[in-house]
C-alpha cells in the first residue's frame, strides 16, 4: 500500500530534529516499510536549510514541499500543497498529522484515496493560535470525525472528548519512546552542570506549556539546584521575551538541542523533570523523560494522570501559586522518593509506550483500510469504551511484543 504521511515538519535525519509528530513519523515510517508498504513523508522545505537533501532515509521516501510560512498558516498551506502532490504522484492512503488539515479529507476521499486523521490533542484550546487558526482546528476536527476512514487518538482522554463531542472516538494508539542503553558522558552536559544537580524543563515557550509560571515557582522553592531549560520558540513572541528577561544564576537557558544523544543525557542525569503542558494527548517529551528514568513532576491534567497512572509513576502539581514550589521543595529534600520514581519509570514505557507495539497497532489500522469499506460519511464509532475514563493497566510483558 502506498502511504503518505502529511502534516508534520518532516522526518528527523542528520542534524534536522524536530518535535513529537516528527519523532512519530521517523519511528513509524521505517517499520511500515519493513512490513511491505511504500511510505512517503512530506517535509517542510524551509526547515531543512540550504544543504543537500536526502531523497530516502531508512527506506522512507522524502518529499520537500514549500508553503506560506507563518505561525498560523504555515502548516495549512504546506498541507494543502503536500496533499495535492501526493494525489498527483499517486497514493492509496493519506495519514494526516494535524487536525486543521481535516478540512482536506472530503477532497482526499473524493479521489478514492483513504484518509486517516491522527488527532493531536485539543488544538483549538492552545493559546498560541489566533482566532482563525483555532476555528480552523475546530472545523477540521468536526470534518475528520464525520468523513475520515479512521481516527487515531494518542490518548484515552482524547478518545473520550471526541466521543462525547463528535460521536466518534477512533482507535487508541499512543506514541512510543526509544530506550537508550548507552548514555553520553555526563561531562558533556550544557553549562557544565553535574548529574543530580539540576531540574530539567524541555518545552516550547508558549503559554499553554507554562514555562514562565514554572520558572517563577522554581525560584520560590527551597533548593540550591539549578533549572536547565531546553527549548524556545520557532517564532519571536512577547511571551518568550518575557521569559528570557528573567536573570537568575539558578536558571540556565540552553536552547534547542538537536543532538539526540545529548538530549537523552540531559534527561538521564537530571534530578527531576518538570512538565507543564496543559493541552494535548500523550506527550512525547514526557515519554522521553520516562524512557530515561526521570522522576516526573507534572502539571495535573487528565493527560498527565493517564500517562502517569495518577501518581503511580510521577508526582503531580496544581497550577496555583505555591503548589509547584512546595513540590520542588519536597522532592529536593527526599532523594529516596525521587529514586523510587526513577526506578519505576521504565516499567511504564515497557507496558504501554514502546514503538514496536505502536507500529503494530498502526499496521492493524492500515490492514483494515485495505479489507473494509469506507468508514466515514457520518458513521458513528461505537468503540467509545470505558477505557477512556479508566486508568490503563500496565502490561510489563508488552515490551517484546513487536514511541507535541
Protein backbone atom coordinates (compact mmCIF):
# COMPACT_ATOMS: atom_id res chain seq x y z
CA UNK A 1 0.00 0.00 0.00
CA UNK A 2 1.27 3.50 -0.85
CA UNK A 3 1.04 5.62 2.30
CA UNK A 4 1.66 9.37 2.53
CA UNK A 5 2.33 10.96 5.93
CA UNK A 6 1.35 14.64 5.81
CA UNK A 7 1.18 17.50 8.30
CA UNK A 8 4.44 17.22 10.24
CA UNK A 9 7.60 19.26 9.84
CA UNK A 10 9.16 16.17 8.30
CA UNK A 11 11.42 13.26 9.16
CA UNK A 12 14.24 13.56 11.67
CA UNK A 13 17.54 12.87 9.95
CA UNK A 14 21.09 14.17 10.29
CA UNK A 15 21.08 17.50 12.13
CA UNK A 16 17.36 18.00 11.47
CA UNK A 17 15.47 17.05 14.62
CA UNK A 18 12.02 18.40 15.46
CA UNK A 19 9.18 17.51 17.83
CA UNK A 20 6.66 14.83 18.73
CA UNK A 21 4.87 14.24 15.43
CA UNK A 22 8.22 14.24 13.64
CA UNK A 23 9.55 11.61 16.04
CA UNK A 24 6.40 9.57 15.42
CA UNK A 25 6.75 9.50 11.63
CA UNK A 26 10.51 8.90 11.93
CA UNK A 27 9.88 5.81 14.05
CA UNK A 28 6.78 4.57 12.22
CA UNK A 29 7.88 5.13 8.62
CA UNK A 30 10.70 2.55 8.50
CA UNK A 31 8.58 0.00 10.39
CA UNK A 32 5.78 0.36 7.84
CA UNK A 33 8.34 -0.06 5.05
CA UNK A 34 9.63 -3.25 6.68
CA UNK A 35 6.04 -4.53 6.65
CA UNK A 36 5.94 -4.14 2.86
CA UNK A 37 4.37 -0.70 2.42
CA UNK A 38 5.65 2.18 0.30
CA UNK A 39 5.91 5.19 2.61
CA UNK A 40 6.41 8.88 1.80
CA UNK A 41 6.91 11.55 4.47
CA UNK A 42 6.18 15.12 3.42
CA UNK A 43 8.66 17.67 4.81
CA UNK A 44 8.53 21.46 5.13
CA UNK A 45 11.27 22.56 2.77
CA UNK A 46 12.48 25.72 4.57
CA UNK A 47 13.23 23.85 7.80
CA UNK A 48 15.97 21.76 6.19
CA UNK A 49 18.28 24.61 5.20
CA UNK A 50 20.32 25.00 2.04
CA UNK A 51 22.32 21.77 2.15
CA UNK A 52 21.90 18.56 0.18
CA UNK A 53 18.52 16.97 0.91
CA UNK A 54 18.13 13.23 1.38
CA UNK A 55 15.63 11.61 -1.00
CA UNK A 56 15.25 8.47 1.08
CA UNK A 57 16.07 7.65 4.72
CA UNK A 58 15.75 4.12 6.15
CA UNK A 59 13.62 3.10 3.17
CA UNK A 60 11.22 6.04 3.53
CA UNK A 61 10.82 8.44 0.62
CA UNK A 62 11.01 12.14 1.48
CA UNK A 63 9.37 14.94 -0.47
CA UNK A 64 10.12 18.57 0.41
CA UNK A 65 7.26 21.00 -0.09
CA UNK A 66 7.11 24.74 0.48
CA UNK A 67 4.26 26.91 1.67
CA UNK A 68 3.37 30.30 3.07
CA UNK A 69 5.47 30.19 6.23
CA UNK A 70 3.82 31.86 9.20
CA UNK A 71 2.80 30.72 12.67
CA UNK A 72 -0.90 30.46 11.86
CA UNK A 73 -0.88 29.39 8.20
CA UNK A 74 2.40 27.56 7.54
CA UNK A 75 1.11 24.08 8.32
CA UNK A 76 -2.16 24.58 6.44
CA UNK A 77 -0.63 25.88 3.22
CA UNK A 78 2.10 23.24 3.32
CA UNK A 79 -0.54 20.59 3.99
CA UNK A 80 -2.66 21.62 1.02
CA UNK A 81 0.35 21.53 -1.31
CA UNK A 82 1.54 18.21 0.15
CA UNK A 83 -1.84 16.54 -0.30
CA UNK A 84 -2.04 17.88 -3.85
CA UNK A 85 1.39 16.41 -4.58
CA UNK A 86 0.51 13.05 -3.00
CA UNK A 87 -2.66 12.77 -5.07
CA UNK A 88 -0.79 13.82 -8.21
CA UNK A 89 2.04 11.28 -7.91
CA UNK A 90 -0.29 8.57 -6.60
CA UNK A 91 -1.08 7.30 -3.12
CA UNK A 92 -3.53 4.85 -1.58
CA UNK A 93 -3.82 6.44 1.85
CA UNK A 94 -3.02 9.81 3.39
CA UNK A 95 -2.36 9.93 7.13
CA UNK A 96 -2.82 13.49 8.38
CA UNK A 97 -0.98 14.65 11.50
CA UNK A 98 -2.70 17.97 12.06
CA UNK A 99 -6.36 18.38 12.95
CA UNK A 100 -6.68 21.57 10.92
CA UNK A 101 -5.97 19.53 7.81
CA UNK A 102 -9.20 17.63 8.41
CA UNK A 103 -10.81 20.18 6.12
CA UNK A 104 -8.98 18.39 3.27
CA UNK A 105 -10.46 14.96 3.96
CA UNK A 106 -13.53 15.28 1.67
CA UNK A 107 -11.17 16.23 -1.17
CA UNK A 108 -8.90 13.25 -0.43
CA UNK A 109 -11.84 10.86 -0.20
CA UNK A 110 -13.35 12.15 -3.46
CA UNK A 111 -10.34 10.76 -5.34
CA UNK A 112 -10.88 7.26 -3.98
CA UNK A 113 -7.94 7.60 -1.61
CA UNK A 114 -8.30 6.63 2.07
CA UNK A 115 -7.83 9.29 4.76
CA UNK A 116 -6.71 8.76 8.35
CA UNK A 117 -6.52 11.56 10.92
CA UNK A 118 -4.08 11.37 13.80
CA UNK A 119 -5.64 13.59 16.46
CA UNK A 120 -3.23 15.94 18.25
CA UNK A 121 -4.97 16.99 21.42
CA UNK A 122 -7.39 19.90 21.57
CA UNK A 123 -5.59 22.30 19.26
CA UNK A 124 -8.36 24.91 19.34
CA UNK A 125 -7.63 25.42 23.07
CA UNK A 126 -3.97 26.34 22.53
CA UNK A 127 -3.34 29.98 23.34
CA UNK A 128 -0.59 30.34 20.74
CA UNK A 129 -3.09 30.26 17.86
CA UNK A 130 -5.08 33.20 16.55
CA UNK A 131 -8.86 33.15 16.21
CA UNK A 132 -8.85 31.99 12.58
CA UNK A 133 -6.44 29.14 13.31
CA UNK A 134 -8.45 27.97 16.32
CA UNK A 135 -11.67 27.92 14.29
CA UNK A 136 -9.86 26.01 11.53
CA UNK A 137 -8.75 23.36 14.01
CA UNK A 138 -12.25 23.03 15.41
CA UNK A 139 -13.78 22.74 11.93
CA UNK A 140 -11.10 20.24 10.94
CA UNK A 141 -11.88 18.11 13.98
CA UNK A 142 -15.59 18.09 13.14
CA UNK A 143 -14.97 17.17 9.49
CA UNK A 144 -12.44 14.49 10.49
CA UNK A 145 -14.91 12.83 12.83
CA UNK A 146 -17.54 12.75 10.08
CA UNK A 147 -15.54 11.82 6.98
CA UNK A 148 -12.19 10.19 7.88
CA UNK A 149 -11.79 6.48 7.24
CA UNK A 150 -10.24 6.24 10.68
CA UNK A 151 -9.34 8.47 13.62
CA UNK A 152 -6.27 7.74 15.72
CA UNK A 153 -6.25 9.16 19.24
CA UNK A 154 -2.93 9.18 21.07
CA UNK A 155 -4.61 9.18 24.49
CA UNK A 156 -7.73 7.71 26.01
CA UNK A 157 -8.73 11.18 27.20
CA UNK A 158 -8.75 12.40 23.58
CA UNK A 159 -10.90 9.38 22.70
CA UNK A 160 -13.35 10.37 25.40
CA UNK A 161 -13.51 14.03 24.31
CA UNK A 162 -14.11 13.17 20.64
CA UNK A 163 -16.67 10.53 21.53
CA UNK A 164 -18.66 12.95 23.65
CA UNK A 165 -18.25 15.94 21.35
CA UNK A 166 -18.50 14.37 17.90
CA UNK A 167 -19.93 10.90 18.48
CA UNK A 168 -16.82 9.12 17.24
CA UNK A 169 -13.84 8.19 19.37
CA UNK A 170 -11.49 6.47 16.93
CA UNK A 171 -8.84 3.94 17.93
CA UNK A 172 -6.32 4.45 20.70
CA UNK A 173 -2.68 4.34 19.59
CA UNK A 174 -0.21 6.18 21.85
CA UNK A 175 3.24 7.45 20.99
CA UNK A 176 6.29 5.40 21.80
CA UNK A 177 9.65 6.15 23.34
CA UNK A 178 13.09 4.93 22.34
CA UNK A 179 15.02 3.21 25.10
CA UNK A 180 18.69 4.22 25.03
CA UNK A 181 21.22 1.88 26.60
CA UNK A 182 24.44 3.86 26.19
CA UNK A 183 24.11 7.39 27.55
CA UNK A 184 26.68 10.03 26.68
CA UNK A 185 29.29 11.06 29.25
CA UNK A 186 27.84 13.46 31.80
CA UNK A 187 30.83 15.79 31.38
CA UNK A 188 29.30 16.95 28.08
CA UNK A 189 26.14 18.33 29.73
CA UNK A 190 25.43 22.01 28.88
CA UNK A 191 26.78 24.75 31.14
CA UNK A 192 28.97 22.24 32.95
CA UNK A 193 26.13 21.06 35.18
CA UNK A 194 26.74 17.86 37.10
CA UNK A 195 24.43 14.82 37.40
CA UNK A 196 21.73 15.25 40.01
CA UNK A 197 22.35 18.98 40.46
CA UNK A 198 19.58 20.31 38.21
CA UNK A 199 15.89 20.15 37.43
CA UNK A 200 15.06 19.87 33.74
CA UNK A 201 12.38 21.61 31.68
CA UNK A 202 12.02 20.74 27.97
CA UNK A 203 9.41 22.90 26.30
CA UNK A 204 8.30 25.29 23.62
CA UNK A 205 7.94 28.80 25.01
CA UNK A 206 4.16 29.02 24.64
CA UNK A 207 1.61 29.89 27.36
CA UNK A 208 -0.13 26.50 27.43
CA UNK A 209 3.17 24.85 28.41
CA UNK A 210 3.55 27.22 31.39
CA UNK A 211 7.33 27.82 31.23
CA UNK A 212 7.06 31.29 32.79
CA UNK A 213 4.94 30.02 35.68
CA UNK A 214 7.33 27.10 36.24
CA UNK A 215 10.37 29.36 36.41
CA UNK A 216 8.66 31.71 38.85
CA UNK A 217 7.61 28.81 41.08
CA UNK A 218 11.04 27.20 40.92
CA UNK A 219 12.69 30.39 42.12
CA UNK A 220 10.39 30.33 45.17
CA UNK A 221 11.34 26.75 46.08
CA UNK A 222 13.81 25.70 48.75
CA UNK A 223 16.55 24.29 46.58
CA UNK A 224 20.15 25.04 45.68
CA UNK A 225 19.87 23.07 42.46
CA UNK A 226 19.56 24.84 39.11
CA UNK A 227 16.82 24.74 36.47
CA UNK A 228 18.09 23.82 33.00
CA UNK A 229 15.65 24.79 30.25
CA UNK A 230 15.86 23.22 26.80
CA UNK A 231 13.73 24.74 24.05
CA UNK A 232 12.44 28.07 22.87
CA UNK A 233 10.14 29.09 20.05
CA UNK A 234 10.33 28.98 16.26
CA UNK A 235 8.65 32.39 16.08
CA UNK A 236 9.52 35.53 18.05
CA UNK A 237 6.94 36.34 20.68
CA UNK A 238 6.37 38.74 23.53
CA UNK A 239 5.89 35.77 25.83
CA UNK A 240 9.33 34.38 25.02
CA UNK A 241 10.95 37.77 25.59
CA UNK A 242 9.27 37.92 29.00
CA UNK A 243 10.73 34.52 29.87
CA UNK A 244 14.24 35.36 28.72
CA UNK A 245 14.18 38.61 30.68
CA UNK A 246 14.48 36.57 33.89
CA UNK A 247 18.04 36.87 35.14
CA UNK A 248 18.95 34.44 37.89
CA UNK A 249 22.04 32.28 38.26
CA UNK A 250 19.85 29.23 39.01
CA UNK A 251 18.11 29.41 35.60
CA UNK A 252 20.06 28.19 32.56
CA UNK A 253 18.59 28.69 29.06
CA UNK A 254 20.30 26.03 26.93
CA UNK A 255 18.18 26.44 23.76
CA UNK A 256 17.20 23.65 21.40
CA UNK A 257 19.41 20.55 21.38
CA UNK A 258 19.38 18.69 18.06
CA UNK A 259 21.85 16.03 19.20
CA UNK A 260 19.54 13.27 20.44
CA UNK A 261 22.24 11.54 22.47
CA UNK A 262 22.99 14.77 24.32
CA UNK A 263 19.28 15.38 24.85
CA UNK A 264 18.86 11.92 26.37
CA UNK A 265 21.85 12.56 28.61
CA UNK A 266 20.19 15.75 29.85
CA UNK A 267 17.14 13.71 30.82
CA UNK A 268 19.07 10.83 32.39
CA UNK A 269 21.29 12.96 34.62
CA UNK A 270 18.59 15.37 35.82
CA UNK A 271 17.38 15.23 39.43
CA UNK A 272 13.74 15.83 38.42
CA UNK A 273 12.00 16.55 35.11
CA UNK A 274 9.27 19.23 35.37
CA UNK A 275 6.37 19.00 32.91
CA UNK A 276 3.95 21.88 32.37
CA UNK A 277 1.97 21.05 29.21
CA UNK A 278 -1.71 21.76 29.78
CA UNK A 279 -3.27 20.59 26.49
CA UNK A 280 -2.56 17.75 24.09
CA UNK A 281 -2.67 14.00 24.33
CA UNK A 282 0.17 11.58 25.04
CA UNK A 283 3.15 13.91 25.35
CA UNK A 284 6.38 12.81 23.59
CA UNK A 285 8.56 14.92 25.88
CA UNK A 286 7.24 13.21 28.99
CA UNK A 287 7.72 9.85 27.28
CA UNK A 288 11.38 10.70 26.64
CA UNK A 289 11.72 11.59 30.31
CA UNK A 290 10.15 8.29 31.39
CA UNK A 291 12.32 6.35 28.93
CA UNK A 292 15.40 7.92 30.51
CA UNK A 293 14.34 7.02 34.06
CA UNK A 294 13.43 10.53 35.16
CA UNK A 295 11.48 11.42 38.25
CA UNK A 296 8.48 13.27 36.77
CA UNK A 297 6.85 16.33 38.35
CA UNK A 298 3.91 17.06 36.04
CA UNK A 299 1.06 19.54 35.84
CA UNK A 300 -2.13 17.82 36.97
CA UNK A 301 -4.20 17.34 33.79
CA UNK A 302 -6.26 14.39 32.51
CA UNK A 303 -3.43 13.66 30.07
CA UNK A 304 -0.73 13.64 32.76
CA UNK A 305 -2.86 11.47 35.04
CA UNK A 306 -3.35 9.00 32.20
CA UNK A 307 0.34 8.80 31.35
CA UNK A 308 1.45 8.52 34.98
CA UNK A 309 -1.50 6.39 36.18
CA UNK A 310 -2.36 9.05 38.74
CA UNK A 311 0.71 9.45 40.94
CA UNK A 312 1.99 5.91 40.42
CA UNK A 313 4.77 6.91 38.02
CA UNK A 314 5.24 10.57 38.92
CA UNK A 315 4.16 13.42 41.15
CA UNK A 316 1.50 15.96 40.10
CA UNK A 317 1.28 19.69 40.79
CA UNK A 318 -1.57 22.18 40.61
CA UNK A 319 -1.38 25.46 38.73
CA UNK A 320 -1.84 27.67 41.76
CA UNK A 321 0.67 29.88 43.49
CA UNK A 322 2.98 27.99 45.79
CA UNK A 323 1.99 24.42 44.90
CA UNK A 324 4.78 23.70 42.43
CA UNK A 325 7.31 25.43 44.68
CA UNK A 326 6.21 23.20 47.56
CA UNK A 327 6.50 20.08 45.39
CA UNK A 328 10.01 21.05 44.29
CA UNK A 329 10.99 21.64 47.92
CA UNK A 330 9.51 18.26 48.89
CA UNK A 331 11.43 16.32 46.24
CA UNK A 332 14.59 18.30 46.86
CA UNK A 333 14.60 17.08 50.45
CA UNK A 334 13.66 13.46 49.65
CA UNK A 335 16.12 11.76 47.27
CA UNK A 336 14.72 8.36 48.28
CA UNK A 337 11.30 9.28 46.85
CA UNK A 338 12.99 10.63 43.71
CA UNK A 339 14.86 7.34 43.37
CA UNK A 340 11.65 5.30 43.61
CA UNK A 341 10.04 7.28 40.81
CA UNK A 342 13.16 6.92 38.68
CA UNK A 343 13.17 3.16 39.13
CA UNK A 344 9.51 2.80 38.17
CA UNK A 345 9.67 4.98 35.03
CA UNK A 346 10.82 2.26 32.61
CA UNK A 347 8.03 -0.02 33.77
CA UNK A 348 5.55 2.44 32.28
CA UNK A 349 7.38 2.56 28.94
CA UNK A 350 7.64 -1.23 28.69
CA UNK A 351 3.96 -1.64 29.44
CA UNK A 352 2.36 0.88 27.09
CA UNK A 353 4.67 3.13 25.13
CA UNK A 354 7.16 1.17 23.01
CA UNK A 355 7.45 1.89 19.29
CA UNK A 356 7.21 -1.70 18.07
CA UNK A 357 3.90 -2.09 19.88
CA UNK A 358 2.71 1.25 18.46
CA UNK A 359 3.72 0.27 14.91
CA UNK A 360 1.82 -3.00 15.26
CA UNK A 361 -1.36 -1.06 16.02
CA UNK A 362 -0.80 1.21 13.01
CA UNK A 363 -0.42 -1.86 10.83
CA UNK A 364 -3.77 -3.09 12.13
CA UNK A 365 -5.39 0.20 11.08
CA UNK A 366 -3.78 0.03 7.63
CA UNK A 367 -4.84 -3.58 7.26
CA UNK A 368 -8.43 -2.58 8.00
CA UNK A 369 -8.23 0.11 5.31
CA UNK A 370 -7.38 -2.50 2.70
CA UNK A 371 -10.05 -5.02 3.74
CA UNK A 372 -13.03 -2.89 4.79
CA UNK A 373 -15.24 -0.41 3.02
CA UNK A 374 -15.27 3.34 3.62
CA UNK A 375 -15.94 4.11 7.25
CA UNK A 376 -16.61 7.85 7.34
CA UNK A 377 -19.53 9.86 5.99
CA UNK A 378 -21.19 10.24 9.35
CA UNK A 379 -20.54 6.76 10.70
CA UNK A 380 -20.68 6.76 14.48
CA UNK A 381 -17.87 4.84 16.15
CA UNK A 382 -19.32 2.57 18.81
CA UNK A 383 -15.91 1.99 20.34
CA UNK A 384 -16.09 4.77 22.88
CA UNK A 385 -15.04 2.31 25.53
CA UNK A 386 -14.81 2.72 29.25
CA UNK A 387 -11.04 2.80 28.86
CA UNK A 388 -11.45 6.48 28.13
CA UNK A 389 -12.33 7.07 31.76
CA UNK A 390 -10.22 4.41 33.45
CA UNK A 391 -6.55 4.31 34.31
CA UNK A 392 -4.77 1.91 31.93
CA UNK A 393 -3.24 -1.18 33.45
CA UNK A 394 0.46 -1.83 32.98
CA UNK A 395 1.40 -4.91 31.00
CA UNK A 396 5.03 -5.49 31.89
CA UNK A 397 5.34 -8.18 29.19
CA UNK A 398 4.39 -5.95 26.27
CA UNK A 399 7.88 -4.65 25.52
CA UNK A 400 8.83 -7.61 23.41
CA UNK A 401 5.57 -7.66 21.50
CA UNK A 402 6.85 -6.10 18.49
CA UNK A 403 7.24 5.63 20.83
CA UNK A 404 3.60 17.58 20.54
